Protein backbone atom coordinates (compact mmCIF):
# COMPACT_ATOMS: atom_id res chain seq x y z
CA MET A 1 4.82 17.39 3.77
CA ARG A 2 8.14 17.44 1.83
CA TRP A 3 9.05 13.68 2.44
CA ALA A 4 6.06 11.24 1.82
CA VAL A 5 4.67 8.62 -0.11
CA LYS A 6 1.89 10.20 -2.40
CA ASP A 7 0.55 7.24 -4.68
CA TYR A 8 0.47 3.54 -4.06
CA ASP A 9 -0.90 0.17 -4.71
CA ILE A 10 -1.19 -2.44 -2.26
CA GLU A 11 -0.99 -5.90 -3.51
CA VAL A 12 -1.91 -9.43 -2.19
CA ARG A 13 0.19 -12.53 -3.16
CA ASN A 14 -2.15 -15.40 -4.68
CA GLU A 15 0.14 -18.37 -4.61
CA SER A 16 -2.03 -20.61 -6.43
CA ALA A 17 -2.29 -18.39 -9.56
CA ASN A 18 1.56 -17.46 -8.99
CA SER A 19 0.69 -13.70 -9.41
CA TRP A 20 0.23 -10.40 -7.43
CA THR A 21 -3.55 -8.82 -7.02
CA THR A 22 -4.21 -5.18 -6.45
CA VAL A 23 -6.69 -4.45 -3.52
CA VAL A 24 -6.05 -0.83 -2.84
CA SER A 25 -5.01 1.92 -5.39
CA GLU A 26 -4.39 5.20 -3.49
CA ARG A 27 -3.99 8.07 -5.88
CA GLY A 28 -4.39 11.90 -5.76
CA GLY A 29 -1.09 12.96 -4.36
CA ARG A 30 -2.12 13.28 -0.74
CA THR A 31 0.81 13.51 1.61
CA THR A 32 -1.14 12.69 4.98
CA MET A 33 0.74 11.13 7.73
CA THR A 34 -1.64 8.09 8.52
CA ARG A 35 -3.58 6.24 6.09
CA MET A 36 -6.24 3.31 6.64
CA HIS A 37 -7.97 1.14 4.01
CA ALA A 38 -10.74 -1.05 4.84
CA LEU A 39 -11.08 -3.87 2.19
CA GLU A 40 -14.75 -4.30 0.61
CA LYS A 41 -14.28 -8.08 1.24
CA PRO A 42 -11.86 -10.32 3.24
CA VAL A 43 -8.60 -11.58 1.34
CA ARG A 44 -6.59 -14.36 2.65
CA THR A 45 -2.85 -14.26 2.04
CA SER A 46 0.64 -15.15 3.37
CA LYS A 47 2.29 -11.95 1.67
CA PHE A 48 1.30 -8.36 0.85
CA ARG A 49 3.28 -5.34 -0.78
CA VAL A 50 3.22 -1.77 -1.14
CA VAL A 51 3.85 -0.66 -4.74
CA ILE A 52 5.04 2.96 -4.71
CA LYS A 53 3.72 4.81 -7.77
CA SER A 54 5.09 8.47 -6.83
CA VAL A 55 6.62 10.36 -3.79
CA ALA A 56 6.72 13.88 -2.42
CA PRO A 57 9.35 15.90 -4.62
CA ALA A 58 11.86 16.65 -1.59
CA ASP A 59 14.39 13.93 -2.46
CA GLY A 60 12.36 11.31 -4.51
CA VAL A 61 12.91 8.68 -1.73
CA ALA A 62 10.02 6.50 -0.54
CA ARG A 63 9.69 6.31 3.15
CA LEU A 64 7.26 4.02 5.18
CA LEU A 65 7.90 4.34 8.69
CA GLU A 66 5.39 1.60 9.81
CA LEU A 67 2.89 -1.07 8.02
CA GLU A 68 0.41 -2.82 9.89
CA ALA A 69 -2.29 -5.37 8.62
CA TRP A 70 -5.18 -6.64 10.84
CA GLY A 71 -7.57 -9.54 10.25
CA ARG A 72 -9.29 -12.39 11.62
CA PRO A 73 -7.59 -15.87 11.75
């Protein structure tokens, strides 16, 4: 794929520590359409973010078309 996010981290917010914690690190330069990550253990957070590390070289722009997070209340 010419336009894709290749490497990234998914981080969750720890409000009590006023910091971000990495829960997923995707490396290897894959440019697949869909990726799914199952965490080893549950995480409770009110915020999460994706930190883009590298993108496909077509134009150097990161594009995330959809982002979903599932969990139990």
